Every structure is written in structure tokens, then in C-alpha cells.
Amino acid sequence: MTTPRVRLVLASASPARLNTLQHAGVEPIVVVSEVDEDRVLAEALDRYGPLEPVDTALLLARAKAEAVAYGERVGDLVLGCDSVLELDGEVHGKPLDAPEATLRWRAMRGRRGVLHTGHWLVDERDDAHGGSRASVGATASTVVHFAALSDAEIEAYVATGEPLRVAGAFTVDGLGGAFVTGIEGDHHNVVGISLPLVRELLADVGVGWFDVVTPHVR
């Protein structure tokens, strides 16, 4: 396989994010960060006080990107992402267990929430290679409308285990897709990565979209 002009590192273990990038022609190097999200949030709470949901997603995305970028260099750009669901002003990540996922869905059904995905990009390239050494980020937000599930449907969905693996306890590209009745905003953002926002962040560091796309798919 030929390589893109600029190598993108994805600091995420999410198969959905990787799959989304691959379908868009980007084959990133995957390096999973070892960030302790609870510690990062606790430190931010002590320093800044309560965070808005959009800031929570961005803070965790930055922590993941910088943890990988400041480790052993394996690429040119490092992208970190983190998603949270805002419901009634509260932030929800991955449920801790099945009972929490069940309670979450009972609160979500028939209503709408906002899925926030923080994106953070670190340019590791030096001046000699056209780099900026910039560290930039932004959050994309998408309104999600949920179906009015019955208790039996919620129990069956939680029993599949899927809600326990994803932020907000649902997917739009998996089993949970049947329970999302509408989306206002970027569909890919709900999957976990906003391609339009990634393009904008790349532009901020002087990189074009097709600079990270593998040549054979252009």
C-alpha cells in the first residue's frame, strides 16, 4: 500500500472511528492512549470548577492526543477524540454496567440528547518538514432523537452488551441504529468522529484533506 503525504495517528481504540476514517480513504496509525479519564476530569474540576459538556469532551480528546503525541513519535499528526452525551444538562459517557445502561435508556427514550465529540490535533512535524508544532481542537455537537422504546426493548438491547461499549449507551451505526429516529447535524459525529471538523483542523495546521488520504483511493 502506498502512503499518504502526511501520516495521521489516531489516538483512539474506537473501531467505529477507525472504520469511519478508512471509509473516507484515510488509513491512520492507531496508537491507543493510556489516559486516566477520571483523573483528568478530577484535576480539571479542582482547577476550573464544573465543566460544560462540550468542554468535557474537548478536555479528554486533548489529553488523549497529547499523551500519544508526547510519547514515541510514530506519525506526523496525532488526532484524539472523545464523545459524551448531554441529557438534561448532565454528561454521560460509557455506562459502568448493565443496570446503569438500563436506567440511562429509560431516561433517554422518546426524547432527544446532544452528542458532543471533542477533537484535538497535534502537529508533530518540525519546520524542516512543513510542520507548525500547533496543537488545536474543537468540539462538534449533534442533536440525536431517540425512539420511545419499551422496557422489553431496552432490556434486550442492554443484554447485547453494545450499550456498555459506547458513549451515551447507544450507536447509530450498529444495533442501536433502530432506536435513533432522527439526527440534527453531522451523522459521522454521532459515530465518534466528525470528518468535516477533522478537515477544518487539518487546514488549521496547513494540511489538506487529500494529504492524509492514501493515494490509491484518490
N, C-alpha and C. Protein backbone atom coordinates (compact mmCIF):
# COMPACT_ATOMS: atom_id res chain seq x y z
N MET A 1 0.84 -1.19 0.00
CA MET A 1 0.00 0.00 0.00
C MET A 1 0.88 1.24 0.00
N THR A 2 0.57 2.21 -0.83
CA THR A 2 1.30 3.46 -0.83
C THR A 2 0.89 4.28 0.39
N THR A 3 1.73 5.24 0.78
CA THR A 3 1.46 6.01 1.97
C THR A 3 1.05 7.43 1.63
N PRO A 4 0.24 8.08 2.49
CA PRO A 4 -0.16 9.46 2.24
C PRO A 4 1.02 10.40 2.48
N ARG A 5 0.89 11.63 2.01
CA ARG A 5 1.97 12.61 2.19
C ARG A 5 2.17 12.94 3.67
N VAL A 6 1.09 12.96 4.41
CA VAL A 6 1.15 13.24 5.85
C VAL A 6 0.51 12.07 6.60
N ARG A 7 1.24 11.50 7.54
CA ARG A 7 0.77 10.32 8.26
C ARG A 7 -0.04 10.75 9.48
N LEU A 8 -1.27 10.26 9.58
CA LEU A 8 -2.17 10.58 10.68
C LEU A 8 -2.18 9.45 11.70
N VAL A 9 -2.02 9.81 12.96
CA VAL A 9 -2.12 8.85 14.05
C VAL A 9 -3.46 9.06 14.75
N LEU A 10 -4.21 8.00 14.95
CA LEU A 10 -5.49 8.07 15.65
C LEU A 10 -5.27 7.58 17.08
N ALA A 11 -5.40 8.48 18.04
CA ALA A 11 -5.20 8.14 19.45
C ALA A 11 -6.52 7.67 20.06
N SER A 12 -7.03 6.58 19.54
CA SER A 12 -8.33 6.06 19.99
C SER A 12 -8.42 4.57 19.72
N ALA A 13 -9.09 3.87 20.63
CA ALA A 13 -9.30 2.43 20.46
C ALA A 13 -10.63 2.13 19.77
N SER A 14 -11.36 3.18 19.39
CA SER A 14 -12.70 3.00 18.84
C SER A 14 -12.68 2.40 17.44
N PRO A 15 -13.25 1.21 17.26
CA PRO A 15 -13.34 0.63 15.92
C PRO A 15 -14.20 1.49 14.99
N ALA A 16 -15.23 2.15 15.55
CA ALA A 16 -16.12 2.98 14.74
C ALA A 16 -15.39 4.18 14.16
N ARG A 17 -14.53 4.81 14.96
CA ARG A 17 -13.76 5.95 14.45
C ARG A 17 -12.80 5.50 13.36
N LEU A 18 -12.13 4.39 13.60
CA LEU A 18 -11.19 3.88 12.60
C LEU A 18 -11.93 3.54 11.32
N ASN A 19 -13.06 2.86 11.44
CA ASN A 19 -13.83 2.47 10.27
C ASN A 19 -14.32 3.68 9.48
N THR A 20 -14.73 4.73 10.18
CA THR A 20 -15.20 5.95 9.52
C THR A 20 -14.07 6.58 8.71
N LEU A 21 -12.89 6.67 9.29
CA LEU A 21 -11.75 7.23 8.58
C LEU A 21 -11.37 6.37 7.38
N GLN A 22 -11.37 5.06 7.57
CA GLN A 22 -11.00 4.17 6.47
C GLN A 22 -11.97 4.28 5.30
N HIS A 23 -13.25 4.40 5.60
CA HIS A 23 -14.24 4.54 4.53
C HIS A 23 -14.08 5.88 3.80
N ALA A 24 -13.44 6.84 4.47
CA ALA A 24 -13.19 8.14 3.84
C ALA A 24 -11.83 8.17 3.14
N GLY A 25 -11.14 7.03 3.11
CA GLY A 25 -9.87 6.95 2.41
C GLY A 25 -8.65 7.20 3.25
N VAL A 26 -8.83 7.33 4.56
CA VAL A 26 -7.71 7.59 5.46
C VAL A 26 -7.36 6.31 6.22
N GLU A 27 -6.09 5.91 6.17
CA GLU A 27 -5.63 4.72 6.89
C GLU A 27 -4.69 5.18 8.01
N PRO A 28 -5.23 5.55 9.16
CA PRO A 28 -4.38 6.07 10.23
C PRO A 28 -3.59 4.97 10.94
N ILE A 29 -2.53 5.39 11.59
CA ILE A 29 -1.81 4.52 12.51
C ILE A 29 -2.53 4.62 13.84
N VAL A 30 -2.93 3.52 14.42
CA VAL A 30 -3.69 3.55 15.68
C VAL A 30 -2.73 3.35 16.85
N VAL A 31 -2.72 4.32 17.74
CA VAL A 31 -1.95 4.23 18.98
C VAL A 31 -2.89 4.63 20.11
N VAL A 32 -3.26 3.68 20.93
CA VAL A 32 -4.24 3.93 21.99
C VAL A 32 -3.55 4.59 23.18
N SER A 33 -4.09 5.68 23.65
CA SER A 33 -3.53 6.37 24.81
C SER A 33 -3.87 5.61 26.09
N GLU A 34 -3.09 5.85 27.12
CA GLU A 34 -3.35 5.23 28.41
C GLU A 34 -3.84 6.28 29.41
N VAL A 35 -4.61 7.23 28.92
CA VAL A 35 -5.07 8.33 29.76
C VAL A 35 -6.08 7.84 30.80
N ASP A 36 -5.89 8.29 32.04
CA ASP A 36 -6.84 8.02 33.12
C ASP A 36 -7.88 9.14 33.07
N GLU A 37 -9.02 8.87 32.44
CA GLU A 37 -10.01 9.91 32.22
C GLU A 37 -10.56 10.47 33.53
N ASP A 38 -10.78 9.61 34.51
CA ASP A 38 -11.31 10.08 35.79
C ASP A 38 -10.33 11.06 36.45
N ARG A 39 -9.04 10.76 36.37
CA ARG A 39 -8.04 11.64 36.97
C ARG A 39 -8.00 12.98 36.25
N VAL A 40 -8.04 12.94 34.91
CA VAL A 40 -8.02 14.18 34.12
C VAL A 40 -9.21 15.06 34.48
N LEU A 41 -10.39 14.46 34.58
CA LEU A 41 -11.58 15.23 34.91
C LEU A 41 -11.54 15.76 36.34
N ALA A 42 -11.02 14.96 37.26
CA ALA A 42 -10.93 15.39 38.66
C ALA A 42 -9.98 16.57 38.79
N GLU A 43 -8.86 16.52 38.09
CA GLU A 43 -7.89 17.63 38.14
C GLU A 43 -8.49 18.89 37.54
N ALA A 44 -9.24 18.74 36.45
CA ALA A 44 -9.88 19.90 35.82
C ALA A 44 -10.94 20.50 36.74
N LEU A 45 -11.67 19.64 37.44
CA LEU A 45 -12.69 20.12 38.36
C LEU A 45 -12.07 20.93 39.49
N ASP A 46 -10.94 20.45 40.02
CA ASP A 46 -10.24 21.16 41.10
C ASP A 46 -9.71 22.50 40.61
N ARG A 47 -9.27 22.54 39.36
CA ARG A 47 -8.62 23.76 38.85
C ARG A 47 -9.63 24.77 38.31
N TYR A 48 -10.64 24.29 37.58
CA TYR A 48 -11.55 25.20 36.88
C TYR A 48 -12.98 25.19 37.40
N GLY A 49 -13.32 24.20 38.21
CA GLY A 49 -14.72 24.05 38.62
C GLY A 49 -15.46 23.20 37.60
N PRO A 50 -16.79 23.09 37.74
CA PRO A 50 -17.59 22.25 36.82
C PRO A 50 -17.41 22.66 35.36
N LEU A 51 -17.30 21.66 34.49
CA LEU A 51 -17.11 21.90 33.06
C LEU A 51 -18.43 21.76 32.31
N GLU A 52 -18.56 22.51 31.24
CA GLU A 52 -19.68 22.31 30.33
C GLU A 52 -19.46 21.00 29.56
N PRO A 53 -20.53 20.35 29.09
CA PRO A 53 -20.36 19.09 28.35
C PRO A 53 -19.42 19.20 27.16
N VAL A 54 -19.50 20.32 26.41
CA VAL A 54 -18.61 20.47 25.25
C VAL A 54 -17.16 20.53 25.68
N ASP A 55 -16.92 21.14 26.85
CA ASP A 55 -15.54 21.25 27.34
C ASP A 55 -15.03 19.92 27.89
N THR A 56 -15.92 19.14 28.45
CA THR A 56 -15.54 17.81 28.93
C THR A 56 -15.02 16.95 27.79
N ALA A 57 -15.76 16.93 26.69
CA ALA A 57 -15.35 16.13 25.53
C ALA A 57 -14.02 16.63 24.97
N LEU A 58 -13.85 17.95 24.90
CA LEU A 58 -12.63 18.51 24.34
C LEU A 58 -11.44 18.26 25.25
N LEU A 59 -11.63 18.39 26.55
CA LEU A 59 -10.55 18.15 27.50
C LEU A 59 -10.01 16.72 27.37
N LEU A 60 -10.91 15.74 27.30
CA LEU A 60 -10.48 14.35 27.21
C LEU A 60 -9.83 14.05 25.85
N ALA A 61 -10.35 14.67 24.79
CA ALA A 61 -9.74 14.48 23.47
C ALA A 61 -8.32 15.03 23.47
N ARG A 62 -8.13 16.18 24.08
CA ARG A 62 -6.79 16.78 24.15
C ARG A 62 -5.84 15.90 24.96
N ALA A 63 -6.33 15.40 26.09
CA ALA A 63 -5.49 14.56 26.93
C ALA A 63 -5.01 13.32 26.17
N LYS A 64 -5.90 12.72 25.39
CA LYS A 64 -5.55 11.52 24.64
C LYS A 64 -4.55 11.84 23.53
N ALA A 65 -4.79 12.93 22.80
CA ALA A 65 -3.89 13.30 21.71
C ALA A 65 -2.51 13.64 22.22
N GLU A 66 -2.44 14.42 23.28
CA GLU A 66 -1.14 14.85 23.79
C GLU A 66 -0.38 13.71 24.45
N ALA A 67 -1.10 12.77 25.07
CA ALA A 67 -0.44 11.62 25.68
C ALA A 67 0.29 10.80 24.63
N VAL A 68 -0.32 10.66 23.46
CA VAL A 68 0.31 9.90 22.36
C VAL A 68 1.37 10.75 21.66
N ALA A 69 1.06 12.02 21.44
CA ALA A 69 1.99 12.89 20.71
C ALA A 69 3.29 13.09 21.46
N TYR A 70 3.24 13.13 22.78
CA TYR A 70 4.43 13.39 23.57
C TYR A 70 5.13 12.11 23.99
N GLY A 71 4.67 11.00 23.43
CA GLY A 71 5.35 9.73 23.63
C GLY A 71 6.30 9.48 22.47
N GLU A 72 6.46 8.24 22.08
CA GLU A 72 7.34 7.92 20.95
C GLU A 72 6.67 8.30 19.64
N ARG A 73 7.35 9.08 18.83
CA ARG A 73 6.75 9.57 17.59
C ARG A 73 6.60 8.44 16.57
N VAL A 74 5.38 8.31 16.03
CA VAL A 74 5.12 7.28 15.03
C VAL A 74 4.48 7.86 13.77
N GLY A 75 4.09 9.14 13.82
CA GLY A 75 3.44 9.75 12.66
C GLY A 75 3.72 11.23 12.60
N ASP A 76 2.98 11.94 11.78
CA ASP A 76 3.15 13.38 11.61
C ASP A 76 2.14 14.18 12.42
N LEU A 77 0.90 13.71 12.42
CA LEU A 77 -0.18 14.37 13.14
C LEU A 77 -0.86 13.36 14.05
N VAL A 78 -1.25 13.80 15.24
CA VAL A 78 -1.95 12.93 16.18
C VAL A 78 -3.34 13.50 16.45
N LEU A 79 -4.35 12.66 16.26
CA LEU A 79 -5.74 13.07 16.47
C LEU A 79 -6.35 12.29 17.63
N GLY A 80 -6.83 13.03 18.62
CA GLY A 80 -7.54 12.41 19.74
C GLY A 80 -9.00 12.79 19.71
N CYS A 81 -9.88 11.88 20.09
CA CYS A 81 -11.32 12.16 20.10
C CYS A 81 -11.95 11.61 21.38
N ASP A 82 -13.02 12.26 21.81
CA ASP A 82 -13.78 11.73 22.93
C ASP A 82 -15.22 12.19 22.80
N SER A 83 -16.15 11.29 23.06
CA SER A 83 -17.57 11.60 22.91
C SER A 83 -18.31 11.48 24.24
N VAL A 84 -19.27 12.39 24.46
CA VAL A 84 -20.15 12.32 25.62
C VAL A 84 -21.55 12.70 25.17
N LEU A 85 -22.53 12.19 25.87
CA LEU A 85 -23.93 12.54 25.58
C LEU A 85 -24.42 13.51 26.65
N GLU A 86 -24.99 14.61 26.22
CA GLU A 86 -25.59 15.56 27.15
C GLU A 86 -27.10 15.33 27.19
N LEU A 87 -27.61 15.07 28.38
CA LEU A 87 -29.04 14.87 28.57
C LEU A 87 -29.44 15.61 29.85
N ASP A 88 -30.36 16.55 29.73
CA ASP A 88 -30.79 17.36 30.87
C ASP A 88 -29.61 18.09 31.52
N GLY A 89 -28.67 18.51 30.69
CA GLY A 89 -27.53 19.26 31.20
C GLY A 89 -26.46 18.42 31.86
N GLU A 90 -26.66 17.11 31.93
CA GLU A 90 -25.68 16.21 32.54
C GLU A 90 -24.89 15.48 31.47
N VAL A 91 -23.64 15.13 31.81
CA VAL A 91 -22.74 14.45 30.88
C VAL A 91 -22.77 12.95 31.12
N HIS A 92 -22.90 12.18 30.04
CA HIS A 92 -22.91 10.73 30.15
C HIS A 92 -21.90 10.14 29.17
N GLY A 93 -20.98 9.35 29.70
CA GLY A 93 -20.04 8.62 28.87
C GLY A 93 -20.50 7.18 28.72
N LYS A 94 -19.58 6.25 28.82
CA LYS A 94 -19.96 4.84 28.77
C LYS A 94 -20.57 4.42 30.10
N PRO A 95 -21.68 3.68 30.07
CA PRO A 95 -22.26 3.19 31.32
C PRO A 95 -21.29 2.25 32.03
N LEU A 96 -21.33 2.27 33.35
CA LEU A 96 -20.44 1.40 34.12
C LEU A 96 -20.88 -0.06 34.06
N ASP A 97 -22.20 -0.27 33.98
CA ASP A 97 -22.71 -1.64 33.98
C ASP A 97 -24.10 -1.67 33.33
N ALA A 98 -24.66 -2.87 33.25
CA ALA A 98 -25.97 -3.03 32.61
C ALA A 98 -27.09 -2.27 33.33
N PRO A 99 -27.14 -2.29 34.66
CA PRO A 99 -28.19 -1.53 35.33
C PRO A 99 -28.13 -0.03 35.01
N GLU A 100 -26.92 0.52 34.94
CA GLU A 100 -26.80 1.94 34.60
C GLU A 100 -27.25 2.19 33.16
N ALA A 101 -26.90 1.29 32.25
CA ALA A 101 -27.32 1.44 30.86
C ALA A 101 -28.85 1.38 30.74
N THR A 102 -29.46 0.52 31.53
CA THR A 102 -30.92 0.40 31.51
C THR A 102 -31.58 1.68 32.01
N LEU A 103 -31.07 2.22 33.11
CA LEU A 103 -31.61 3.47 33.65
C LEU A 103 -31.42 4.61 32.66
N ARG A 104 -30.26 4.62 32.00
CA ARG A 104 -29.97 5.66 31.03
C ARG A 104 -31.00 5.63 29.90
N TRP A 105 -31.28 4.44 29.38
CA TRP A 105 -32.21 4.34 28.27
C TRP A 105 -33.64 4.67 28.69
N ARG A 106 -33.99 4.38 29.90
CA ARG A 106 -35.34 4.74 30.37
C ARG A 106 -35.49 6.26 30.43
N ALA A 107 -34.38 6.95 30.69
CA ALA A 107 -34.40 8.41 30.72
C ALA A 107 -34.34 9.00 29.31
N MET A 108 -33.70 8.30 28.38
CA MET A 108 -33.49 8.81 27.03
C MET A 108 -34.68 8.57 26.10
N ARG A 109 -35.40 7.49 26.29
CA ARG A 109 -36.40 7.06 25.31
C ARG A 109 -37.46 8.14 25.07
N GLY A 110 -37.76 8.30 23.80
CA GLY A 110 -38.77 9.27 23.42
C GLY A 110 -38.31 10.72 23.52
N ARG A 111 -37.04 10.92 23.77
CA ARG A 111 -36.54 12.27 23.98
C ARG A 111 -35.37 12.54 23.03
N ARG A 112 -34.68 13.64 23.25
CA ARG A 112 -33.51 13.95 22.45
C ARG A 112 -32.36 14.35 23.36
N GLY A 113 -31.15 14.07 22.91
CA GLY A 113 -29.94 14.47 23.62
C GLY A 113 -28.98 15.08 22.62
N VAL A 114 -27.86 15.56 23.13
CA VAL A 114 -26.84 16.14 22.26
C VAL A 114 -25.55 15.36 22.43
N LEU A 115 -25.06 14.82 21.33
CA LEU A 115 -23.81 14.06 21.33
C LEU A 115 -22.68 15.02 20.99
N HIS A 116 -21.77 15.20 21.95
CA HIS A 116 -20.61 16.07 21.76
C HIS A 116 -19.37 15.21 21.54
N THR A 117 -18.62 15.50 20.50
CA THR A 117 -17.36 14.81 20.28
C THR A 117 -16.24 15.84 20.19
N GLY A 118 -15.33 15.75 21.15
CA GLY A 118 -14.16 16.62 21.14
C GLY A 118 -13.11 16.06 20.20
N HIS A 119 -12.45 16.93 19.46
CA HIS A 119 -11.38 16.55 18.55
C HIS A 119 -10.15 17.40 18.87
N TRP A 120 -9.00 16.75 19.00
CA TRP A 120 -7.77 17.51 19.25
C TRP A 120 -6.67 16.99 18.32
N LEU A 121 -6.01 17.92 17.65
CA LEU A 121 -4.98 17.57 16.67
C LEU A 121 -3.65 18.18 17.08
N VAL A 122 -2.61 17.37 17.12
CA VAL A 122 -1.26 17.82 17.44
C VAL A 122 -0.37 17.60 16.23
N ASP A 123 0.29 18.66 15.78
CA ASP A 123 1.22 18.59 14.64
C ASP A 123 2.62 18.33 15.19
N GLU A 124 3.13 17.14 14.92
CA GLU A 124 4.45 16.75 15.42
C GLU A 124 5.58 17.10 14.46
N ARG A 125 5.26 17.57 13.28
CA ARG A 125 6.29 17.84 12.28
C ARG A 125 7.11 19.08 12.65
N ASP A 126 8.39 19.03 12.32
CA ASP A 126 9.23 20.20 12.57
C ASP A 126 9.18 21.13 11.36
N ASP A 127 9.81 22.29 11.50
CA ASP A 127 9.78 23.30 10.44
C ASP A 127 10.33 22.77 9.13
N ALA A 128 11.36 21.94 9.21
CA ALA A 128 12.00 21.44 8.01
C ALA A 128 11.07 20.56 7.18
N HIS A 129 10.04 20.02 7.81
CA HIS A 129 9.10 19.15 7.11
C HIS A 129 7.72 19.82 6.97
N GLY A 130 7.72 21.13 7.04
CA GLY A 130 6.49 21.88 6.84
C GLY A 130 5.57 21.91 8.04
N GLY A 131 6.08 21.52 9.20
CA GLY A 131 5.24 21.47 10.39
C GLY A 131 5.02 22.80 11.06
N SER A 132 4.01 22.85 11.90
CA SER A 132 3.69 24.07 12.63
C SER A 132 3.87 23.91 14.13
N ARG A 133 3.98 22.65 14.59
CA ARG A 133 4.05 22.33 16.01
C ARG A 133 2.79 22.80 16.74
N ALA A 134 1.73 23.01 15.98
CA ALA A 134 0.48 23.51 16.56
C ALA A 134 -0.27 22.40 17.30
N SER A 135 -1.11 22.82 18.25
CA SER A 135 -1.97 21.91 18.98
C SER A 135 -3.34 22.58 19.01
N VAL A 136 -4.29 22.04 18.25
CA VAL A 136 -5.58 22.71 18.06
C VAL A 136 -6.73 21.74 18.27
N GLY A 137 -7.87 22.29 18.64
CA GLY A 137 -9.02 21.42 18.86
C GLY A 137 -10.34 22.14 18.79
N ALA A 138 -11.41 21.37 18.72
CA ALA A 138 -12.77 21.90 18.69
C ALA A 138 -13.73 20.75 18.97
N THR A 139 -14.96 21.11 19.31
CA THR A 139 -15.98 20.11 19.60
C THR A 139 -17.13 20.22 18.61
N ALA A 140 -17.56 19.09 18.08
CA ALA A 140 -18.73 19.04 17.21
C ALA A 140 -19.91 18.50 18.01
N SER A 141 -21.08 19.08 17.82
CA SER A 141 -22.27 18.68 18.58
C SER A 141 -23.41 18.34 17.64
N THR A 142 -24.07 17.23 17.91
CA THR A 142 -25.17 16.75 17.06
C THR A 142 -26.36 16.37 17.93
N VAL A 143 -27.52 16.85 17.56
CA VAL A 143 -28.75 16.51 18.29
C VAL A 143 -29.24 15.13 17.82
N VAL A 144 -29.55 14.28 18.77
CA VAL A 144 -30.00 12.91 18.47
C VAL A 144 -31.38 12.69 19.07
N HIS A 145 -32.32 12.23 18.26
CA HIS A 145 -33.68 11.92 18.72
C HIS A 145 -33.80 10.41 18.92
N PHE A 146 -34.30 10.02 20.09
CA PHE A 146 -34.40 8.60 20.42
C PHE A 146 -35.84 8.10 20.34
N ALA A 147 -35.98 6.86 19.92
CA ALA A 147 -37.31 6.25 19.84
C ALA A 147 -37.84 5.97 21.24
N ALA A 148 -39.16 5.82 21.34
CA ALA A 148 -39.80 5.52 22.62
C ALA A 148 -39.79 4.01 22.84
N LEU A 149 -38.67 3.50 23.28
CA LEU A 149 -38.50 2.06 23.47
C LEU A 149 -39.36 1.55 24.64
N SER A 150 -39.80 0.31 24.52
CA SER A 150 -40.49 -0.35 25.63
C SER A 150 -39.44 -0.87 26.61
N ASP A 151 -39.84 -1.22 27.80
CA ASP A 151 -38.91 -1.80 28.77
C ASP A 151 -38.28 -3.07 28.22
N ALA A 152 -39.07 -3.86 27.52
CA ALA A 152 -38.56 -5.12 26.96
C ALA A 152 -37.48 -4.85 25.92
N GLU A 153 -37.70 -3.83 25.09
CA GLU A 153 -36.69 -3.49 24.09
C GLU A 153 -35.40 -3.00 24.74
N ILE A 154 -35.54 -2.21 25.78
CA ILE A 154 -34.35 -1.71 26.48
C ILE A 154 -33.57 -2.88 27.08
N GLU A 155 -34.27 -3.79 27.74
CA GLU A 155 -33.61 -4.93 28.36
C GLU A 155 -32.90 -5.79 27.31
N ALA A 156 -33.56 -5.99 26.17
CA ALA A 156 -32.96 -6.81 25.11
C ALA A 156 -31.73 -6.12 24.52
N TYR A 157 -31.80 -4.82 24.35
CA TYR A 157 -30.67 -4.08 23.79
C TYR A 157 -29.49 -4.08 24.76
N VAL A 158 -29.76 -3.81 26.02
CA VAL A 158 -28.68 -3.82 27.01
C VAL A 158 -28.04 -5.20 27.10
N ALA A 159 -28.85 -6.24 26.96
CA ALA A 159 -28.33 -7.62 27.05
C ALA A 159 -27.34 -7.94 25.94
N THR A 160 -27.37 -7.19 24.83
CA THR A 160 -26.41 -7.44 23.75
C THR A 160 -25.00 -6.98 24.14
N GLY A 161 -24.91 -6.10 25.13
CA GLY A 161 -23.62 -5.58 25.55
C GLY A 161 -23.17 -4.35 24.80
N GLU A 162 -23.81 -4.05 23.68
CA GLU A 162 -23.38 -2.90 22.88
C GLU A 162 -23.44 -1.58 23.65
N PRO A 163 -24.50 -1.30 24.40
CA PRO A 163 -24.58 -0.01 25.10
C PRO A 163 -23.46 0.20 26.11
N LEU A 164 -22.84 -0.87 26.58
CA LEU A 164 -21.78 -0.75 27.58
C LEU A 164 -20.45 -0.35 26.98
N ARG A 165 -20.35 -0.41 25.66
CA ARG A 165 -19.07 -0.16 25.00
C ARG A 165 -18.96 1.24 24.38
N VAL A 166 -20.03 2.01 24.46
CA VAL A 166 -20.04 3.29 23.73
C VAL A 166 -20.57 4.43 24.59
N ALA A 167 -20.09 5.63 24.29
CA ALA A 167 -20.56 6.82 24.98
C ALA A 167 -22.03 7.04 24.70
N GLY A 168 -22.78 7.37 25.75
CA GLY A 168 -24.20 7.60 25.58
C GLY A 168 -25.05 6.35 25.59
N ALA A 169 -24.41 5.19 25.63
CA ALA A 169 -25.11 3.90 25.68
C ALA A 169 -25.89 3.59 24.40
N PHE A 170 -25.44 4.11 23.26
CA PHE A 170 -26.13 3.79 22.00
C PHE A 170 -25.15 3.94 20.84
N THR A 171 -25.50 3.33 19.73
CA THR A 171 -24.78 3.53 18.48
C THR A 171 -25.80 3.94 17.43
N VAL A 172 -25.30 4.57 16.37
CA VAL A 172 -26.17 4.86 15.24
C VAL A 172 -25.79 3.98 14.05
N ASP A 173 -24.64 3.34 14.14
CA ASP A 173 -24.13 2.50 13.06
C ASP A 173 -24.12 1.03 13.44
N GLY A 174 -24.83 0.68 14.50
CA GLY A 174 -24.87 -0.70 14.95
C GLY A 174 -26.30 -1.11 15.31
N LEU A 175 -26.43 -1.93 16.34
CA LEU A 175 -27.75 -2.39 16.76
C LEU A 175 -28.63 -1.22 17.20
N GLY A 176 -27.99 -0.20 17.78
CA GLY A 176 -28.75 0.94 18.27
C GLY A 176 -29.32 1.82 17.19
N GLY A 177 -28.93 1.62 15.94
CA GLY A 177 -29.43 2.45 14.86
C GLY A 177 -30.94 2.40 14.72
N ALA A 178 -31.55 1.31 15.12
CA ALA A 178 -33.01 1.17 15.02
C ALA A 178 -33.73 2.05 16.04
N PHE A 179 -32.98 2.56 17.01
CA PHE A 179 -33.60 3.34 18.08
C PHE A 179 -33.30 4.83 17.98
N VAL A 180 -32.68 5.24 16.88
CA VAL A 180 -32.42 6.66 16.63
C VAL A 180 -33.36 7.11 15.52
N THR A 181 -34.30 7.97 15.85
CA THR A 181 -35.33 8.36 14.88
C THR A 181 -34.96 9.59 14.06
N GLY A 182 -33.95 10.32 14.50
CA GLY A 182 -33.54 11.50 13.75
C GLY A 182 -32.25 12.09 14.27
N ILE A 183 -31.57 12.82 13.38
CA ILE A 183 -30.30 13.46 13.73
C ILE A 183 -30.28 14.87 13.16
N GLU A 184 -29.86 15.82 13.95
CA GLU A 184 -29.70 17.20 13.50
C GLU A 184 -28.22 17.54 13.58
N GLY A 185 -27.56 17.51 12.43
CA GLY A 185 -26.13 17.78 12.41
C GLY A 185 -25.37 16.68 11.69
N ASP A 186 -24.09 16.57 12.01
CA ASP A 186 -23.20 15.64 11.34
C ASP A 186 -23.42 14.20 11.81
N HIS A 187 -23.83 13.34 10.89
CA HIS A 187 -24.04 11.92 11.20
C HIS A 187 -22.76 11.27 11.72
N HIS A 188 -21.63 11.54 11.07
CA HIS A 188 -20.38 10.91 11.47
C HIS A 188 -19.98 11.29 12.89
N ASN A 189 -20.37 12.46 13.32
CA ASN A 189 -20.04 12.89 14.67
C ASN A 189 -20.66 11.97 15.71
N VAL A 190 -21.86 11.47 15.41
CA VAL A 190 -22.54 10.55 16.32
C VAL A 190 -21.79 9.22 16.38
N VAL A 191 -21.18 8.84 15.29
CA VAL A 191 -20.37 7.61 15.25
C VAL A 191 -19.11 7.79 16.10
N GLY A 192 -18.65 9.04 16.21
CA GLY A 192 -17.49 9.30 17.08
C GLY A 192 -16.42 10.19 16.50
N ILE A 193 -16.57 10.60 15.23
CA ILE A 193 -15.58 11.49 14.63
C ILE A 193 -16.23 12.29 13.50
N SER A 194 -16.11 13.60 13.56
CA SER A 194 -16.70 14.47 12.55
C SER A 194 -15.69 14.72 11.45
N LEU A 195 -15.93 14.15 10.28
CA LEU A 195 -15.00 14.33 9.17
C LEU A 195 -14.88 15.79 8.73
N PRO A 196 -15.98 16.54 8.66
CA PRO A 196 -15.84 17.96 8.31
C PRO A 196 -14.99 18.73 9.31
N LEU A 197 -15.13 18.41 10.60
CA LEU A 197 -14.33 19.11 11.60
C LEU A 197 -12.86 18.70 11.52
N VAL A 198 -12.60 17.43 11.26
CA VAL A 198 -11.22 16.99 11.09
C VAL A 198 -10.58 17.73 9.92
N ARG A 199 -11.32 17.88 8.85
CA ARG A 199 -10.81 18.63 7.69
C ARG A 199 -10.45 20.06 8.09
N GLU A 200 -11.29 20.70 8.89
CA GLU A 200 -11.02 22.07 9.32
C GLU A 200 -9.78 22.14 10.21
N LEU A 201 -9.63 21.18 11.10
CA LEU A 201 -8.45 21.18 11.97
C LEU A 201 -7.17 20.94 11.18
N LEU A 202 -7.26 20.07 10.18
CA LEU A 202 -6.10 19.85 9.31
C LEU A 202 -5.71 21.15 8.61
N ALA A 203 -6.71 21.88 8.13
CA ALA A 203 -6.44 23.15 7.46
C ALA A 203 -5.78 24.14 8.41
N ASP A 204 -6.14 24.08 9.69
CA ASP A 204 -5.56 24.98 10.68
C ASP A 204 -4.05 24.79 10.83
N VAL A 205 -3.58 23.57 10.54
CA VAL A 205 -2.14 23.31 10.64
C VAL A 205 -1.49 23.21 9.26
N GLY A 206 -2.21 23.69 8.24
CA GLY A 206 -1.64 23.75 6.90
C GLY A 206 -1.63 22.44 6.14
N VAL A 207 -2.55 21.55 6.47
CA VAL A 207 -2.60 20.24 5.81
C VAL A 207 -3.95 20.09 5.10
N GLY A 208 -3.93 19.68 3.85
CA GLY A 208 -5.15 19.46 3.09
C GLY A 208 -5.72 18.08 3.37
N TRP A 209 -7.01 17.92 3.13
CA TRP A 209 -7.65 16.62 3.36
C TRP A 209 -6.97 15.50 2.58
N PHE A 210 -6.66 15.76 1.32
CA PHE A 210 -6.07 14.71 0.50
C PHE A 210 -4.59 14.45 0.82
N ASP A 211 -4.02 15.26 1.70
CA ASP A 211 -2.66 14.98 2.17
C ASP A 211 -2.64 13.78 3.12
N VAL A 212 -3.77 13.47 3.76
CA VAL A 212 -3.83 12.34 4.69
C VAL A 212 -4.55 11.14 4.09
N VAL A 213 -5.11 11.30 2.89
CA VAL A 213 -5.79 10.19 2.21
C VAL A 213 -4.76 9.35 1.48
N THR A 214 -4.90 8.03 1.57
CA THR A 214 -3.96 7.16 0.88
C THR A 214 -4.12 7.33 -0.62
N PRO A 215 -3.02 7.47 -1.37
CA PRO A 215 -3.08 7.80 -2.79
C PRO A 215 -3.93 6.86 -3.64
N HIS A 216 -3.97 5.56 -3.33
CA HIS A 216 -4.67 4.61 -4.21
C HIS A 216 -6.18 4.81 -4.21
N VAL A 217 -6.72 5.57 -3.24
CA VAL A 217 -8.18 5.77 -3.23
C VAL A 217 -8.57 7.15 -3.75
N ARG A 218 -7.61 7.92 -4.18
CA ARG A 218 -7.93 9.27 -4.69
C ARG A 218 -8.56 9.21 -6.06
